[in-house]
Amino acid sequence: VVPLVSLSLFGGVLADQADRRKVMLLTQSGMALV
């Protein structure tokens, strides 16, 4: 919960001004590597 609470609001700003498809490709790739 600590990273989610700290960063989710910034993630919301990114989702409102970037291509949401590209954001998902990056985040899903990151979670796959983890």
Full PDB file with SEQRES, HELIX, SHEET, SSBOND, CRYST1, ORIGX, SCALE, CONECT and MASTER records, all heavy atoms in Angstrom:
SEQRES   1 A   34  VAL VAL PRO LEU VAL SER LEU SER LEU PHE GLY GLY VAL          
SEQRES   2 A   34  LEU ALA ASP GLN ALA ASP ARG ARG LYS VAL MET LEU LEU          
SEQRES   3 A   34  THR GLN SER GLY MET ALA LEU VAL                              
HELIX    1 AA1 VAL A    2  ALA A   15  1                                  14    
HELIX    2 AA2 ARG A   20  LEU A   33  1                                  14    
CRYST1    1.000    1.000    1.000  90.00  90.00  90.00 P 1           1          
ORIGX1      1.000000  0.000000  0.000000        0.00000                         
ORIGX2      0.000000  1.000000  0.000000        0.00000                         
ORIGX3      0.000000  0.000000  1.000000        0.00000                         
SCALE1      1.000000  0.000000  0.000000        0.00000                         
SCALE2      0.000000  1.000000  0.000000        0.00000                         
SCALE3      0.000000  0.000000  1.000000        0.00000                         
ATOM      1  N   VAL A   1       0.796  -1.209   0.000  1.00  0.00           N  
ATOM      2  CA  VAL A   1       0.000   0.000   0.000  1.00  0.00           C  
ATOM      3  C   VAL A   1       0.841   1.278   0.000  1.00  0.00           C  
ATOM      4  O   VAL A   1       0.400   2.308  -0.507  1.00  0.00           O  
ATOM      5  CB  VAL A   1      -0.979  -0.007   1.201  1.00  0.00           C  
ATOM      6  CG1 VAL A   1      -0.301   0.433   2.487  1.00  0.00           C  
ATOM      7  CG2 VAL A   1      -2.193   0.852   0.911  1.00  0.00           C  
ATOM      8  N   VAL A   2       2.043   1.230   0.545  1.00  0.00           N  
ATOM      9  CA  VAL A   2       2.850   2.463   0.636  1.00  0.00           C  
ATOM     10  C   VAL A   2       3.168   3.039  -0.746  1.00  0.00           C  
ATOM     11  O   VAL A   2       2.932   4.233  -1.005  1.00  0.00           O  
ATOM     12  CB  VAL A   2       4.130   2.217   1.456  1.00  0.00           C  
ATOM     13  CG1 VAL A   2       5.064   3.414   1.359  1.00  0.00           C  
ATOM     14  CG2 VAL A   2       3.783   1.950   2.919  1.00  0.00           C  
ATOM     15  N   PRO A   3       3.689   2.259  -1.706  1.00  0.00           N  
ATOM     16  CA  PRO A   3       3.911   2.841  -3.049  1.00  0.00           C  
ATOM     17  C   PRO A   3       2.614   3.269  -3.728  1.00  0.00           C  
ATOM     18  O   PRO A   3       2.591   4.280  -4.438  1.00  0.00           O  
ATOM     19  CB  PRO A   3       4.582   1.700  -3.827  1.00  0.00           C  
ATOM     20  CG  PRO A   3       5.122   0.776  -2.793  1.00  0.00           C  
ATOM     21  CD  PRO A   3       4.177   0.868  -1.638  1.00  0.00           C  
ATOM     22  N   LEU A   4       1.538   2.523  -3.507  1.00  0.00           N  
ATOM     23  CA  LEU A   4       0.268   2.867  -4.148  1.00  0.00           C  
ATOM     24  C   LEU A   4      -0.265   4.195  -3.637  1.00  0.00           C  
ATOM     25  O   LEU A   4      -0.707   5.044  -4.414  1.00  0.00           O  
ATOM     26  CB  LEU A   4      -0.746   1.752  -3.902  1.00  0.00           C  
ATOM     27  CG  LEU A   4      -0.468   0.437  -4.650  1.00  0.00           C  
ATOM     28  CD1 LEU A   4      -1.335  -0.687  -4.094  1.00  0.00           C  
ATOM     29  CD2 LEU A   4      -0.711   0.598  -6.137  1.00  0.00           C  
ATOM     30  N   VAL A   5      -0.230   4.392  -2.336  1.00  0.00           N  
ATOM     31  CA  VAL A   5      -0.710   5.649  -1.766  1.00  0.00           C  
ATOM     32  C   VAL A   5       0.183   6.809  -2.201  1.00  0.00           C  
ATOM     33  O   VAL A   5      -0.292   7.916  -2.486  1.00  0.00           O  
ATOM     34  CB  VAL A   5      -0.770   5.544  -0.231  1.00  0.00           C  
ATOM     35  CG1 VAL A   5      -1.006   6.905   0.403  1.00  0.00           C  
ATOM     36  CG2 VAL A   5      -1.868   4.570   0.191  1.00  0.00           C  
ATOM     37  N   SER A   6       1.487   6.559  -2.290  1.00  0.00           N  
ATOM     38  CA  SER A   6       2.428   7.626  -2.627  1.00  0.00           C  
ATOM     39  C   SER A   6       2.356   8.049  -4.093  1.00  0.00           C  
ATOM     40  O   SER A   6       2.570   9.222  -4.413  1.00  0.00           O  
ATOM     41  CB  SER A   6       3.866   7.167  -2.311  1.00  0.00           C  
ATOM     42  OG  SER A   6       3.997   6.774  -0.973  1.00  0.00           O  
ATOM     43  N   LEU A   7       2.049   7.111  -4.985  1.00  0.00           N  
ATOM     44  CA  LEU A   7       2.218   7.372  -6.418  1.00  0.00           C  
ATOM     45  C   LEU A   7       0.949   7.334  -7.250  1.00  0.00           C  
ATOM     46  O   LEU A   7       0.957   7.781  -8.396  1.00  0.00           O  
ATOM     47  CB  LEU A   7       3.221   6.360  -7.001  1.00  0.00           C  
ATOM     48  CG  LEU A   7       4.627   6.391  -6.396  1.00  0.00           C  
ATOM     49  CD1 LEU A   7       5.452   5.225  -6.925  1.00  0.00           C  
ATOM     50  CD2 LEU A   7       5.315   7.708  -6.714  1.00  0.00           C  
ATOM     51  N   SER A   8      -0.146   6.788  -6.723  1.00  0.00           N  
ATOM     52  CA  SER A   8      -1.340   6.601  -7.548  1.00  0.00           C  
ATOM     53  C   SER A   8      -1.892   7.911  -8.096  1.00  0.00           C  
ATOM     54  O   SER A   8      -2.360   7.976  -9.235  1.00  0.00           O  
ATOM     55  CB  SER A   8      -2.429   5.874  -6.757  1.00  0.00           C  
ATOM     56  OG  SER A   8      -2.148   4.507  -6.648  1.00  0.00           O  
ATOM     57  N   LEU A   9      -1.860   8.980  -7.308  1.00  0.00           N  
ATOM     58  CA  LEU A   9      -2.391  10.257  -7.789  1.00  0.00           C  
ATOM     59  C   LEU A   9      -1.571  10.797  -8.958  1.00  0.00           C  
ATOM     60  O   LEU A   9      -2.116  11.396  -9.888  1.00  0.00           O  
ATOM     61  CB  LEU A   9      -2.440  11.271  -6.651  1.00  0.00           C  
ATOM     62  CG  LEU A   9      -3.432  10.936  -5.521  1.00  0.00           C  
ATOM     63  CD1 LEU A   9      -3.341  11.973  -4.410  1.00  0.00           C  
ATOM     64  CD2 LEU A   9      -4.855  10.871  -6.057  1.00  0.00           C  
ATOM     65  N   PHE A  10      -0.264  10.574  -8.928  1.00  0.00           N  
ATOM     66  CA  PHE A  10       0.566  10.960 -10.076  1.00  0.00           C  
ATOM     67  C   PHE A  10       0.254  10.067 -11.270  1.00  0.00           C  
ATOM     68  O   PHE A  10       0.273  10.521 -12.421  1.00  0.00           O  
ATOM     69  CB  PHE A  10       2.054  10.863  -9.701  1.00  0.00           C  
ATOM     70  CG  PHE A  10       2.471  11.829  -8.645  1.00  0.00           C  
ATOM     71  CD1 PHE A  10       2.509  11.452  -7.321  1.00  0.00           C  
ATOM     72  CD2 PHE A  10       2.799  13.137  -8.970  1.00  0.00           C  
ATOM     73  CE1 PHE A  10       2.886  12.344  -6.327  1.00  0.00           C  
ATOM     74  CE2 PHE A  10       3.162  14.044  -7.991  1.00  0.00           C  
ATOM     75  CZ  PHE A  10       3.213  13.649  -6.660  1.00  0.00           C  
ATOM     76  N   GLY A  11      -0.050   8.795 -11.001  1.00  0.00           N  
ATOM     77  CA  GLY A  11      -0.474   7.909 -12.079  1.00  0.00           C  
ATOM     78  C   GLY A  11      -1.761   8.381 -12.720  1.00  0.00           C  
ATOM     79  O   GLY A  11      -1.955   8.236 -13.930  1.00  0.00           O  
ATOM     80  N   GLY A  12      -2.649   8.969 -11.921  1.00  0.00           N  
ATOM     81  CA  GLY A  12      -3.894   9.503 -12.466  1.00  0.00           C  
ATOM     82  C   GLY A  12      -3.668  10.674 -13.390  1.00  0.00           C  
ATOM     83  O   GLY A  12      -4.309  10.801 -14.439  1.00  0.00           O  
ATOM     84  N   VAL A  13      -2.736  11.558 -13.027  1.00  0.00           N  
ATOM     85  CA  VAL A  13      -2.399  12.692 -13.894  1.00  0.00           C  
ATOM     86  C   VAL A  13      -1.827  12.182 -15.212  1.00  0.00           C  
ATOM     87  O   VAL A  13      -2.190  12.668 -16.296  1.00  0.00           O  
ATOM     88  CB  VAL A  13      -1.396  13.636 -13.198  1.00  0.00           C  
ATOM     89  CG1 VAL A  13      -0.922  14.722 -14.160  1.00  0.00           C  
ATOM     90  CG2 VAL A  13      -2.036  14.276 -11.973  1.00  0.00           C  
ATOM     91  N   LEU A  14      -0.934  11.186 -15.132  1.00  0.00           N  
ATOM     92  CA  LEU A  14      -0.346  10.627 -16.353  1.00  0.00           C  
ATOM     93  C   LEU A  14      -1.427  10.027 -17.247  1.00  0.00           C  
ATOM     94  O   LEU A  14      -1.411  10.208 -18.474  1.00  0.00           O  
ATOM     95  CB  LEU A  14       0.689   9.563 -15.978  1.00  0.00           C  
ATOM     96  CG  LEU A  14       1.425   8.905 -17.146  1.00  0.00           C  
ATOM     97  CD1 LEU A  14       2.262   9.932 -17.898  1.00  0.00           C  
ATOM     98  CD2 LEU A  14       2.304   7.762 -16.642  1.00  0.00           C  
ATOM     99  N   ALA A  15      -2.398   9.333 -16.645  1.00  0.00           N  
ATOM    100  CA  ALA A  15      -3.464   8.708 -17.432  1.00  0.00           C  
ATOM    101  C   ALA A  15      -4.367   9.732 -18.101  1.00  0.00           C  
ATOM    102  O   ALA A  15      -5.006   9.420 -19.111  1.00  0.00           O  
ATOM    103  CB  ALA A  15      -4.303   7.795 -16.531  1.00  0.00           C  
ATOM    104  N   ASP A  16      -4.418  10.954 -17.578  1.00  0.00           N  
ATOM    105  CA  ASP A  16      -5.263  11.990 -18.156  1.00  0.00           C  
ATOM    106  C   ASP A  16      -4.552  12.841 -19.202  1.00  0.00           C  
ATOM    107  O   ASP A  16      -5.161  13.745 -19.775  1.00  0.00           O  
ATOM    108  CB  ASP A  16      -5.807  12.899 -17.046  1.00  0.00           C  
ATOM    109  CG  ASP A  16      -7.009  12.286 -16.340  1.00  0.00           C  
ATOM    110  OD1 ASP A  16      -7.643  11.401 -16.933  1.00  0.00           O  
ATOM    111  OD2 ASP A  16      -7.299  12.688 -15.204  1.00  0.00           O  
ATOM    112  N   GLN A  17      -3.265  12.568 -19.443  1.00  0.00           N  
ATOM    113  CA  GLN A  17      -2.583  13.381 -20.459  1.00  0.00           C  
ATOM    114  C   GLN A  17      -1.635  12.570 -21.343  1.00  0.00           C  
ATOM    115  O   GLN A  17      -0.955  13.139 -22.192  1.00  0.00           O  
ATOM    116  CB  GLN A  17      -1.828  14.531 -19.792  1.00  0.00           C  
ATOM    117  CG  GLN A  17      -0.724  14.112 -18.829  1.00  0.00           C  
ATOM    118  CD  GLN A  17      -0.069  15.346 -18.205  1.00  0.00           C  
ATOM    119  OE1 GLN A  17      -0.733  16.297 -17.813  1.00  0.00           O  
ATOM    120  NE2 GLN A  17       1.251  15.339 -18.141  1.00  0.00           N  
ATOM    121  N   ALA A  18      -1.612  11.258 -21.201  1.00  0.00           N  
ATOM    122  CA  ALA A  18      -0.767  10.411 -22.048  1.00  0.00           C  
ATOM    123  C   ALA A  18      -1.629   9.342 -22.718  1.00  0.00           C  
ATOM    124  O   ALA A  18      -2.785   9.141 -22.360  1.00  0.00           O  
ATOM    125  CB  ALA A  18       0.332   9.757 -21.210  1.00  0.00           C  
ATOM    126  N   ASP A  19      -1.051   8.669 -23.685  1.00  0.00           N  
ATOM    127  CA  ASP A  19      -1.723   7.558 -24.338  1.00  0.00           C  
ATOM    128  C   ASP A  19      -1.832   6.420 -23.319  1.00  0.00           C  
ATOM    129  O   ASP A  19      -0.831   5.824 -22.914  1.00  0.00           O  
ATOM    130  CB  ASP A  19      -0.904   7.113 -25.557  1.00  0.00           C  
ATOM    131  CG  ASP A  19      -1.595   6.020 -26.371  1.00  0.00           C  
ATOM    132  OD1 ASP A  19      -2.507   5.364 -25.831  1.00  0.00           O  
ATOM    133  OD2 ASP A  19      -1.207   5.814 -27.538  1.00  0.00           O  
ATOM    134  N   ARG A  20      -3.050   6.111 -22.896  1.00  0.00           N  
ATOM    135  CA  ARG A  20      -3.241   5.116 -21.836  1.00  0.00           C  
ATOM    136  C   ARG A  20      -2.764   3.739 -22.275  1.00  0.00           C  
ATOM    137  O   ARG A  20      -2.326   2.931 -21.443  1.00  0.00           O  
ATOM    138  CB  ARG A  20      -4.713   5.101 -21.437  1.00  0.00           C  
ATOM    139  CG  ARG A  20      -5.138   6.416 -20.782  1.00  0.00           C  
ATOM    140  CD  ARG A  20      -6.614   6.713 -20.904  1.00  0.00           C  
ATOM    141  NE  ARG A  20      -6.957   7.992 -20.274  1.00  0.00           N  
ATOM    142  CZ  ARG A  20      -8.140   8.575 -20.351  1.00  0.00           C  
ATOM    143  NH1 ARG A  20      -9.113   8.005 -21.057  1.00  0.00           N  
ATOM    144  NH2 ARG A  20      -8.368   9.718 -19.750  1.00  0.00           N  
ATOM    145  N   ARG A  21      -2.829   3.472 -23.551  1.00  0.00           N  
ATOM    146  CA  ARG A  21      -2.351   2.191 -24.071  1.00  0.00           C  
ATOM    147  C   ARG A  21      -0.838   2.065 -23.852  1.00  0.00           C  
ATOM    148  O   ARG A  21      -0.345   1.022 -23.390  1.00  0.00           O  
ATOM    149  CB  ARG A  21      -2.689   2.101 -25.549  1.00  0.00           C  
ATOM    150  CG  ARG A  21      -2.039   0.947 -26.307  1.00  0.00           C  
ATOM    151  CD  ARG A  21      -2.455   0.981 -27.764  1.00  0.00           C  
ATOM    152  NE  ARG A  21      -1.634   0.104 -28.584  1.00  0.00           N  
ATOM    153  CZ  ARG A  21      -0.497   0.477 -29.149  1.00  0.00           C  
ATOM    154  NH1 ARG A  21      -0.033   1.721 -28.968  1.00  0.00           N  
ATOM    155  NH2 ARG A  21       0.190  -0.384 -29.886  1.00  0.00           N  
ATOM    156  N   LYS A  22      -0.083   3.120 -24.143  1.00  0.00           N  
ATOM    157  CA  LYS A  22       1.369   3.076 -23.961  1.00  0.00           C  
ATOM    158  C   LYS A  22       1.742   2.973 -22.483  1.00  0.00           C  
ATOM    159  O   LYS A  22       2.698   2.281 -22.124  1.00  0.00           O  
ATOM    160  CB  LYS A  22       2.008   4.319 -24.579  1.00  0.00           C  
ATOM    161  CG  LYS A  22       1.974   4.338 -26.098  1.00  0.00           C  
ATOM    162  CD  LYS A  22       2.672   5.578 -26.645  1.00  0.00           C  
ATOM    163  CE  LYS A  22       2.658   5.580 -28.166  1.00  0.00           C  
ATOM    164  NZ  LYS A  22       3.312   6.812 -28.722  1.00  0.00           N  
ATOM    165  N   VAL A  23       0.993   3.659 -21.643  1.00  0.00           N  
ATOM    166  CA  VAL A  23       1.253   3.565 -20.205  1.00  0.00           C  
ATOM    167  C   VAL A  23       1.100   2.125 -19.741  1.00  0.00           C  
ATOM    168  O   VAL A  23       1.936   1.590 -18.996  1.00  0.00           O  
ATOM    169  CB  VAL A  23       0.306   4.491 -19.413  1.00  0.00           C  
ATOM    170  CG1 VAL A  23       0.472   4.266 -17.911  1.00  0.00           C  
ATOM    171  CG2 VAL A  23       0.578   5.955 -19.742  1.00  0.00           C  
ATOM    172  N   MET A  24       0.027   1.464 -20.198  1.00  0.00           N  
ATOM    173  CA  MET A  24      -0.184   0.069 -19.801  1.00  0.00           C  
ATOM    174  C   MET A  24       0.918  -0.849 -20.321  1.00  0.00           C  
ATOM    175  O   MET A  24       1.355  -1.768 -19.621  1.00  0.00           O  
ATOM    176  CB  MET A  24      -1.541  -0.425 -20.303  1.00  0.00           C  
ATOM    177  CG  MET A  24      -2.680  -0.191 -19.346  1.00  0.00           C  
ATOM    178  SD  MET A  24      -4.089  -1.294 -19.716  1.00  0.00           S  
ATOM    179  CE  MET A  24      -3.416  -2.881 -19.198  1.00  0.00           C  
ATOM    180  N   LEU A  25       1.383  -0.623 -21.536  1.00  0.00           N  
ATOM    181  CA  LEU A  25       2.459  -1.451 -22.072  1.00  0.00           C  
ATOM    182  C   LEU A  25       3.717  -1.333 -21.214  1.00  0.00           C  
ATOM    183  O   LEU A  25       4.396  -2.333 -20.938  1.00  0.00           O  
ATOM    184  CB  LEU A  25       2.766  -1.051 -23.514  1.00  0.00           C  
ATOM    185  CG  LEU A  25       1.702  -1.421 -24.556  1.00  0.00           C  
ATOM    186  CD1 LEU A  25       2.033  -0.794 -25.907  1.00  0.00           C  
ATOM    187  CD2 LEU A  25       1.595  -2.947 -24.696  1.00  0.00           C  
ATOM    188  N   LEU A  26       4.018  -0.127 -20.765  1.00  0.00           N  
ATOM    189  CA  LEU A  26       5.205   0.079 -19.933  1.00  0.00           C  
ATOM    190  C   LEU A  26       5.037  -0.542 -18.550  1.00  0.00           C  
ATOM    191  O   LEU A  26       5.937  -1.227 -18.046  1.00  0.00           O  
ATOM    192  CB  LEU A  26       5.498   1.572 -19.812  1.00  0.00           C  
ATOM    193  CG  LEU A  26       6.038   2.258 -21.070  1.00  0.00           C  
ATOM    194  CD1 LEU A  26       6.115   3.774 -20.864  1.00  0.00           C  
ATOM    195  CD2 LEU A  26       7.423   1.716 -21.417  1.00  0.00           C  
ATOM    196  N   THR A  27       3.887  -0.306 -17.927  1.00  0.00           N  
ATOM    197  CA  THR A  27       3.698  -0.813 -16.571  1.00  0.00           C  
ATOM    198  C   THR A  27       3.605  -2.331 -16.541  1.00  0.00           C  
ATOM    199  O   THR A  27       4.164  -2.979 -15.645  1.00  0.00           O  
ATOM    200  CB  THR A  27       2.439  -0.205 -15.932  1.00  0.00           C  
ATOM    201  OG1 THR A  27       1.304  -0.442 -16.772  1.00  0.00           O  
ATOM    202  CG2 THR A  27       2.600   1.300 -15.750  1.00  0.00           C  
ATOM    203  N   GLN A  28       2.909  -2.919 -17.508  1.00  0.00           N  
ATOM    204  CA  GLN A  28       2.797  -4.370 -17.547  1.00  0.00           C  
ATOM    205  C   GLN A  28       4.160  -5.014 -17.810  1.00  0.00           C  
ATOM    206  O   GLN A  28       4.478  -6.067 -17.243  1.00  0.00           O  
ATOM    207  CB  GLN A  28       1.799  -4.795 -18.614  1.00  0.00           C  
ATOM    208  CG  GLN A  28       0.359  -4.420 -18.313  1.00  0.00           C  
ATOM    209  CD  GLN A  28      -0.238  -5.249 -17.191  1.00  0.00           C  
ATOM    210  OE1 GLN A  28      -0.056  -6.453 -17.126  1.00  0.00           O  
ATOM    211  NE2 GLN A  28      -0.945  -4.584 -16.281  1.00  0.00           N  
ATOM    212  N   SER A  29       4.977  -4.383 -18.647  1.00  0.00           N  
ATOM    213  CA  SER A  29       6.328  -4.899 -18.897  1.00  0.00           C  
ATOM    214  C   SER A  29       7.161  -4.837 -17.624  1.00  0.00           C  
ATOM    215  O   SER A  29       7.919  -5.773 -17.315  1.00  0.00           O  
ATOM    216  CB  SER A  29       7.007  -4.089 -20.009  1.00  0.00           C  
ATOM    217  OG  SER A  29       6.317  -4.222 -21.230  1.00  0.00           O  
ATOM    218  N   GLY A  30       7.021  -3.743 -16.881  1.00  0.00           N  
ATOM    219  CA  GLY A  30       7.757  -3.616 -15.621  1.00  0.00           C  
ATOM    220  C   GLY A  30       7.365  -4.692 -14.623  1.00  0.00           C  
ATOM    221  O   GLY A  30       8.226  -5.307 -13.971  1.00  0.00           O  
ATOM    222  N   MET A  31       6.055  -4.950 -14.490  1.00  0.00           N  
ATOM    223  CA  MET A  31       5.613  -5.982 -13.556  1.00  0.00           C  
ATOM    224  C   MET A  31       6.059  -7.369 -13.998  1.00  0.00           C  
ATOM    225  O   MET A  31       6.355  -8.242 -13.164  1.00  0.00           O  
ATOM    226  CB  MET A  31       4.091  -5.925 -13.409  1.00  0.00           C  
ATOM    227  CG  MET A  31       3.614  -4.734 -12.579  1.00  0.00           C  
ATOM    228  SD  MET A  31       1.835  -4.769 -12.205  1.00  0.00           S  
ATOM    229  CE  MET A  31       1.154  -4.188 -13.751  1.00  0.00           C  
ATOM    230  N   ALA A  32       6.133  -7.590 -15.318  1.00  0.00           N  
ATOM    231  CA  ALA A  32       6.612  -8.881 -15.818  1.00  0.00           C  
ATOM    232  C   ALA A  32       8.069  -9.101 -15.423  1.00  0.00           C  
ATOM    233  O   ALA A  32       8.452 -10.204 -14.984  1.00  0.00           O  
ATOM    234  CB  ALA A  32       6.459  -8.943 -17.330  1.00  0.00           C  
ATOM    235  N   LEU A  33       8.894  -8.073 -15.548  1.00  0.00           N  
ATOM    236  CA  LEU A  33      10.303  -8.199 -15.177  1.00  0.00           C  
ATOM    237  C   LEU A  33      10.463  -8.443 -13.679  1.00  0.00           C  
ATOM    238  O   LEU A  33      11.337  -9.211 -13.251  1.00  0.00           O  
ATOM    239  CB  LEU A  33      11.059  -6.932 -15.592  1.00  0.00           C  
ATOM    240  CG  LEU A  33      11.209  -6.720 -17.100  1.00  0.00           C  
ATOM    241  CD1 LEU A  33      11.884  -5.381 -17.386  1.00  0.00           C  
ATOM    242  CD2 LEU A  33      12.007  -7.865 -17.734  1.00  0.00           C  
ATOM    243  N   VAL A  34       9.622  -7.819 -12.880  1.00  0.00           N  
ATOM    244  CA  VAL A  34       9.666  -8.040 -11.442  1.00  0.00           C  
ATOM    245  C   VAL A  34       9.326  -9.496 -11.116  1.00  0.00           C  
ATOM    246  O   VAL A  34       9.963 -10.133 -10.266  1.00  0.00           O  
ATOM    247  CB  VAL A  34       8.705  -7.072 -10.716  1.00  0.00           C  
ATOM    248  CG1 VAL A  34       8.531  -7.470  -9.264  1.00  0.00           C  
ATOM    249  CG2 VAL A  34       9.229  -5.638 -10.804  1.00  0.00           C  
TER     250      VAL A  34                                                      
MASTER        0    0    0    2    0    0    0    6  249    1    0    3          
END                                                                             
